[in-house]
Amino acid sequence: MTWVTQGITFWPRNRPKTRGWGRNFPRPGILEAAVVAKADEHWGETPCAFVHLREGSTATPQDIMDYCREHLAHFKAPKTVIFGELPKTSTGKIQKFKLREQAEAMDNPAPGT
């Protein structure tokens, strides 16, 4: 899957690795993370990071965004960070379609909520 933001096309190889993101970007306390595209009125789509922290670790969304801006090109840093366990298949693969649904649901809350 590719996505376009700020006139730049992202291919899967341009995005941070999803599983084991903490190994690729040695931010202490991150167990794993996944990044999906989230709709944005201005840019079309922006990165949205889902982060699962190690037990006992703490971080704020701003901590993660600042860290990414230090180690990635500014436009590749996530604009949104959501903490929690990542949904997985029975074989342990991250179910990114569920993360995309969750990211879109943040922008479009169900009626009556």
N, C-alpha and C. Protein backbone atom coordinates (compact mmCIF):
# COMPACT_ATOMS: atom_id res chain seq x y z
N MET A 1 0.84 -1.17 0.00
CA MET A 1 0.00 0.00 0.00
C MET A 1 0.89 1.24 0.00
N THR A 2 0.56 2.19 -0.82
CA THR A 2 1.28 3.46 -0.82
C THR A 2 0.34 4.55 -0.36
N TRP A 3 0.91 5.67 0.04
CA TRP A 3 0.09 6.83 0.33
C TRP A 3 0.85 8.07 -0.07
N VAL A 4 0.11 9.13 -0.38
CA VAL A 4 0.71 10.37 -0.82
C VAL A 4 0.40 11.45 0.20
N THR A 5 1.41 12.18 0.62
CA THR A 5 1.22 13.30 1.53
C THR A 5 2.21 14.39 1.15
N GLN A 6 1.78 15.61 1.18
CA GLN A 6 2.62 16.76 0.87
C GLN A 6 3.30 16.59 -0.48
N GLY A 7 2.61 15.93 -1.41
CA GLY A 7 3.16 15.75 -2.74
C GLY A 7 4.23 14.68 -2.84
N ILE A 8 4.45 13.90 -1.78
CA ILE A 8 5.47 12.87 -1.76
C ILE A 8 4.79 11.52 -1.64
N THR A 9 5.16 10.57 -2.48
CA THR A 9 4.59 9.23 -2.41
C THR A 9 5.44 8.38 -1.48
N PHE A 10 4.77 7.74 -0.51
CA PHE A 10 5.43 6.83 0.42
C PHE A 10 5.18 5.41 -0.04
N TRP A 11 6.23 4.63 -0.14
CA TRP A 11 6.12 3.22 -0.42
C TRP A 11 6.41 2.50 0.89
N PRO A 12 5.99 1.26 1.04
CA PRO A 12 6.21 0.56 2.31
C PRO A 12 7.67 0.60 2.77
N ARG A 13 8.62 0.58 1.87
CA ARG A 13 10.03 0.60 2.29
C ARG A 13 10.45 1.96 2.86
N ASN A 14 9.67 3.03 2.60
CA ASN A 14 10.01 4.35 3.12
C ASN A 14 9.52 4.56 4.54
N ARG A 15 8.58 3.74 4.97
CA ARG A 15 8.02 3.91 6.30
C ARG A 15 8.84 3.12 7.31
N PRO A 16 8.81 3.53 8.57
CA PRO A 16 9.53 2.74 9.58
C PRO A 16 8.99 1.31 9.60
N LYS A 17 9.83 0.35 9.90
CA LYS A 17 9.38 -1.03 10.03
C LYS A 17 8.28 -1.06 11.09
N THR A 18 7.27 -1.88 10.87
CA THR A 18 6.15 -1.89 11.80
C THR A 18 6.47 -2.72 13.03
N ARG A 19 6.78 -3.96 12.86
CA ARG A 19 7.05 -4.81 14.02
C ARG A 19 8.49 -4.56 14.47
N GLY A 20 8.67 -4.36 15.75
CA GLY A 20 10.00 -4.14 16.26
C GLY A 20 10.53 -2.75 15.99
N TRP A 21 9.63 -1.78 15.86
CA TRP A 21 10.02 -0.41 15.58
C TRP A 21 11.04 0.06 16.61
N GLY A 22 10.93 -0.42 17.84
CA GLY A 22 11.86 -0.06 18.89
C GLY A 22 13.29 -0.49 18.58
N ARG A 23 13.45 -1.56 17.78
CA ARG A 23 14.79 -1.99 17.39
C ARG A 23 15.37 -1.08 16.32
N ASN A 24 14.52 -0.62 15.40
CA ASN A 24 15.00 0.21 14.31
C ASN A 24 15.22 1.65 14.75
N PHE A 25 14.43 2.11 15.66
CA PHE A 25 14.59 3.42 16.27
C PHE A 25 14.71 3.15 17.76
N PRO A 26 15.90 3.16 18.30
CA PRO A 26 16.11 2.68 19.67
C PRO A 26 15.53 3.60 20.73
N ARG A 27 14.27 3.92 20.62
CA ARG A 27 13.58 4.73 21.63
C ARG A 27 13.29 3.81 22.81
N PRO A 28 13.87 4.06 23.96
CA PRO A 28 13.63 3.19 25.11
C PRO A 28 12.14 3.10 25.45
N GLY A 29 11.73 1.91 25.79
CA GLY A 29 10.37 1.72 26.26
C GLY A 29 9.37 1.28 25.21
N ILE A 30 9.72 1.31 23.92
CA ILE A 30 8.78 0.89 22.89
C ILE A 30 8.96 -0.60 22.64
N LEU A 31 7.89 -1.35 22.82
CA LEU A 31 7.92 -2.78 22.54
C LEU A 31 7.70 -3.02 21.06
N GLU A 32 6.67 -2.41 20.49
CA GLU A 32 6.41 -2.52 19.06
C GLU A 32 5.51 -1.36 18.64
N ALA A 33 5.47 -1.13 17.34
CA ALA A 33 4.66 -0.03 16.82
C ALA A 33 4.28 -0.32 15.38
N ALA A 34 3.24 0.35 14.93
CA ALA A 34 2.81 0.27 13.53
C ALA A 34 2.40 1.65 13.09
N VAL A 35 2.61 1.95 11.82
CA VAL A 35 2.25 3.26 11.29
C VAL A 35 1.31 3.05 10.11
N VAL A 36 0.18 3.77 10.14
CA VAL A 36 -0.79 3.72 9.05
C VAL A 36 -1.09 5.13 8.59
N ALA A 37 -1.68 5.24 7.42
CA ALA A 37 -2.08 6.55 6.90
C ALA A 37 -3.42 6.94 7.51
N LYS A 38 -3.54 8.21 7.88
CA LYS A 38 -4.77 8.74 8.44
C LYS A 38 -5.19 9.93 7.58
N ALA A 39 -6.48 10.01 7.26
CA ALA A 39 -6.98 11.09 6.42
C ALA A 39 -6.71 12.45 7.07
N ASP A 40 -6.34 13.42 6.23
CA ASP A 40 -6.06 14.77 6.70
C ASP A 40 -6.62 15.75 5.67
N GLU A 41 -7.36 16.74 6.14
CA GLU A 41 -7.98 17.69 5.22
C GLU A 41 -6.95 18.47 4.42
N HIS A 42 -5.86 18.85 5.05
CA HIS A 42 -4.87 19.70 4.38
C HIS A 42 -3.91 18.90 3.50
N TRP A 43 -3.33 17.81 4.04
CA TRP A 43 -2.29 17.06 3.34
C TRP A 43 -2.81 15.85 2.59
N GLY A 44 -4.05 15.49 2.78
CA GLY A 44 -4.59 14.27 2.17
C GLY A 44 -4.50 13.11 3.14
N GLU A 45 -3.28 12.73 3.50
CA GLU A 45 -3.04 11.69 4.50
C GLU A 45 -1.78 12.04 5.30
N THR A 46 -1.78 11.65 6.56
CA THR A 46 -0.61 11.85 7.42
C THR A 46 -0.34 10.57 8.19
N PRO A 47 0.89 10.36 8.64
CA PRO A 47 1.21 9.16 9.41
C PRO A 47 0.53 9.17 10.78
N CYS A 48 0.00 8.02 11.17
CA CYS A 48 -0.60 7.82 12.49
C CYS A 48 0.09 6.60 13.10
N ALA A 49 0.74 6.78 14.23
CA ALA A 49 1.49 5.70 14.87
C ALA A 49 0.68 5.08 16.00
N PHE A 50 0.68 3.76 16.02
CA PHE A 50 0.11 2.99 17.13
C PHE A 50 1.30 2.39 17.86
N VAL A 51 1.41 2.68 19.15
CA VAL A 51 2.60 2.29 19.92
C VAL A 51 2.20 1.44 21.11
N HIS A 52 2.88 0.30 21.27
CA HIS A 52 2.71 -0.57 22.43
C HIS A 52 3.98 -0.43 23.26
N LEU A 53 3.86 0.14 24.44
CA LEU A 53 5.01 0.36 25.31
C LEU A 53 5.35 -0.89 26.12
N ARG A 54 6.60 -1.00 26.48
CA ARG A 54 7.02 -2.08 27.38
C ARG A 54 6.38 -1.86 28.74
N GLU A 55 6.18 -2.94 29.46
CA GLU A 55 5.57 -2.86 30.79
C GLU A 55 6.43 -1.97 31.70
N GLY A 56 5.79 -1.04 32.37
CA GLY A 56 6.49 -0.13 33.27
C GLY A 56 7.02 1.12 32.60
N SER A 57 6.97 1.19 31.28
CA SER A 57 7.46 2.37 30.55
C SER A 57 6.34 3.40 30.42
N THR A 58 6.73 4.65 30.34
CA THR A 58 5.77 5.72 30.13
C THR A 58 6.28 6.64 29.02
N ALA A 59 5.35 7.19 28.29
CA ALA A 59 5.67 8.16 27.24
C ALA A 59 4.39 8.89 26.90
N THR A 60 4.54 10.09 26.40
CA THR A 60 3.38 10.85 25.93
C THR A 60 3.42 10.87 24.42
N PRO A 61 2.29 11.15 23.77
CA PRO A 61 2.32 11.26 22.31
C PRO A 61 3.36 12.28 21.83
N GLN A 62 3.49 13.38 22.56
CA GLN A 62 4.46 14.40 22.16
C GLN A 62 5.89 13.88 22.25
N ASP A 63 6.20 13.03 23.26
CA ASP A 63 7.54 12.42 23.36
C ASP A 63 7.86 11.62 22.11
N ILE A 64 6.89 10.82 21.66
CA ILE A 64 7.11 9.97 20.49
C ILE A 64 7.26 10.84 19.24
N MET A 65 6.41 11.84 19.08
CA MET A 65 6.50 12.71 17.90
C MET A 65 7.82 13.46 17.87
N ASP A 66 8.26 13.97 19.02
CA ASP A 66 9.55 14.68 19.08
C ASP A 66 10.70 13.76 18.72
N TYR A 67 10.66 12.54 19.26
CA TYR A 67 11.72 11.58 18.97
C TYR A 67 11.78 11.27 17.47
N CYS A 68 10.61 11.06 16.87
CA CYS A 68 10.56 10.76 15.43
C CYS A 68 11.07 11.94 14.60
N ARG A 69 10.74 13.15 15.02
CA ARG A 69 11.20 14.33 14.27
C ARG A 69 12.72 14.48 14.35
N GLU A 70 13.32 14.00 15.44
CA GLU A 70 14.77 14.05 15.57
C GLU A 70 15.45 13.02 14.66
N HIS A 71 14.78 11.88 14.41
CA HIS A 71 15.41 10.77 13.71
C HIS A 71 14.87 10.51 12.31
N LEU A 72 13.81 11.17 11.92
CA LEU A 72 13.21 11.01 10.59
C LEU A 72 13.05 12.37 9.95
N ALA A 73 12.83 12.36 8.66
CA ALA A 73 12.45 13.61 8.00
C ALA A 73 11.15 14.10 8.64
N HIS A 74 11.02 15.40 8.80
CA HIS A 74 9.88 15.96 9.51
C HIS A 74 8.55 15.48 8.96
N PHE A 75 8.42 15.39 7.64
CA PHE A 75 7.14 14.99 7.05
C PHE A 75 6.84 13.51 7.25
N LYS A 76 7.82 12.70 7.66
CA LYS A 76 7.59 11.28 7.92
C LYS A 76 7.20 11.02 9.37
N ALA A 77 7.36 12.00 10.24
CA ALA A 77 7.02 11.83 11.66
C ALA A 77 5.51 11.77 11.82
N PRO A 78 5.02 10.91 12.72
CA PRO A 78 3.57 10.80 12.91
C PRO A 78 2.97 12.08 13.46
N LYS A 79 1.78 12.40 12.99
CA LYS A 79 1.05 13.56 13.50
C LYS A 79 0.13 13.16 14.63
N THR A 80 -0.16 11.85 14.72
CA THR A 80 -1.01 11.29 15.76
C THR A 80 -0.34 10.06 16.34
N VAL A 81 -0.40 9.89 17.66
CA VAL A 81 0.15 8.71 18.31
C VAL A 81 -0.91 8.14 19.24
N ILE A 82 -1.17 6.83 19.11
CA ILE A 82 -2.16 6.14 19.92
C ILE A 82 -1.46 5.00 20.65
N PHE A 83 -1.66 4.93 21.96
CA PHE A 83 -1.01 3.89 22.76
C PHE A 83 -1.96 2.73 23.02
N GLY A 84 -1.42 1.52 23.07
CA GLY A 84 -2.20 0.32 23.37
C GLY A 84 -1.62 -0.88 22.67
N GLU A 85 -2.20 -2.05 22.97
CA GLU A 85 -1.76 -3.27 22.30
C GLU A 85 -2.20 -3.24 20.85
N LEU A 86 -1.41 -3.85 20.00
CA LEU A 86 -1.71 -3.89 18.57
C LEU A 86 -2.49 -5.16 18.25
N PRO A 87 -3.56 -5.05 17.45
CA PRO A 87 -4.32 -6.25 17.08
C PRO A 87 -3.49 -7.14 16.17
N LYS A 88 -3.52 -8.45 16.45
CA LYS A 88 -2.70 -9.38 15.67
C LYS A 88 -3.51 -10.59 15.25
N THR A 89 -3.01 -11.24 14.20
CA THR A 89 -3.60 -12.50 13.75
C THR A 89 -3.12 -13.61 14.67
N SER A 90 -3.61 -14.81 14.44
CA SER A 90 -3.19 -15.95 15.26
C SER A 90 -1.72 -16.28 15.06
N THR A 91 -1.13 -15.82 13.94
CA THR A 91 0.29 -16.07 13.70
C THR A 91 1.17 -14.91 14.17
N GLY A 92 0.57 -13.88 14.75
CA GLY A 92 1.34 -12.79 15.31
C GLY A 92 1.56 -11.60 14.40
N LYS A 93 0.95 -11.59 13.22
CA LYS A 93 1.10 -10.44 12.33
C LYS A 93 0.14 -9.32 12.74
N ILE A 94 0.61 -8.10 12.65
CA ILE A 94 -0.22 -6.95 13.01
C ILE A 94 -1.31 -6.75 11.97
N GLN A 95 -2.54 -6.59 12.44
CA GLN A 95 -3.68 -6.40 11.55
C GLN A 95 -3.84 -4.91 11.27
N LYS A 96 -3.12 -4.46 10.24
CA LYS A 96 -3.10 -3.03 9.93
C LYS A 96 -4.45 -2.51 9.46
N PHE A 97 -5.28 -3.36 8.87
CA PHE A 97 -6.60 -2.89 8.44
C PHE A 97 -7.43 -2.46 9.64
N LYS A 98 -7.26 -3.15 10.78
CA LYS A 98 -7.98 -2.74 11.99
C LYS A 98 -7.44 -1.41 12.52
N LEU A 99 -6.14 -1.20 12.39
CA LEU A 99 -5.55 0.07 12.82
C LEU A 99 -6.05 1.21 11.94
N ARG A 100 -6.15 0.96 10.62
CA ARG A 100 -6.69 1.99 9.72
C ARG A 100 -8.13 2.33 10.08
N GLU A 101 -8.93 1.30 10.39
CA GLU A 101 -10.32 1.53 10.79
C GLU A 101 -10.38 2.37 12.07
N GLN A 102 -9.51 2.06 13.03
CA GLN A 102 -9.47 2.80 14.28
C GLN A 102 -9.05 4.25 14.05
N ALA A 103 -8.08 4.46 13.18
CA ALA A 103 -7.62 5.82 12.89
C ALA A 103 -8.73 6.63 12.22
N GLU A 104 -9.45 6.02 11.29
CA GLU A 104 -10.56 6.71 10.62
C GLU A 104 -11.70 6.98 11.57
N ALA A 105 -11.96 6.06 12.51
CA ALA A 105 -13.04 6.23 13.47
C ALA A 105 -12.79 7.41 14.40
N MET A 106 -11.52 7.76 14.60
CA MET A 106 -11.20 8.92 15.44
C MET A 106 -11.72 10.20 14.79
N ASP A 107 -11.67 10.26 13.46
CA ASP A 107 -12.13 11.45 12.74
C ASP A 107 -13.63 11.46 12.52
N ASN A 108 -14.23 10.27 12.50
CA ASN A 108 -15.67 10.14 12.20
C ASN A 108 -16.36 9.38 13.33
N PRO A 109 -16.61 10.03 14.49
CA PRO A 109 -17.24 9.32 15.60
C PRO A 109 -18.65 8.87 15.21
N ALA A 110 -19.06 7.75 15.81
CA ALA A 110 -20.40 7.22 15.53
C ALA A 110 -21.45 8.20 16.02
N PRO A 111 -22.59 8.28 15.33
CA PRO A 111 -23.66 9.18 15.75
C PRO A 111 -24.11 8.88 17.18
N GLY A 112 -24.32 9.91 17.94
CA GLY A 112 -24.80 9.75 19.31
C GLY A 112 -23.71 9.56 20.34
N THR A 113 -22.41 9.62 19.92
CA THR A 113 -21.33 9.46 20.89
C THR A 113 -20.63 10.76 21.12
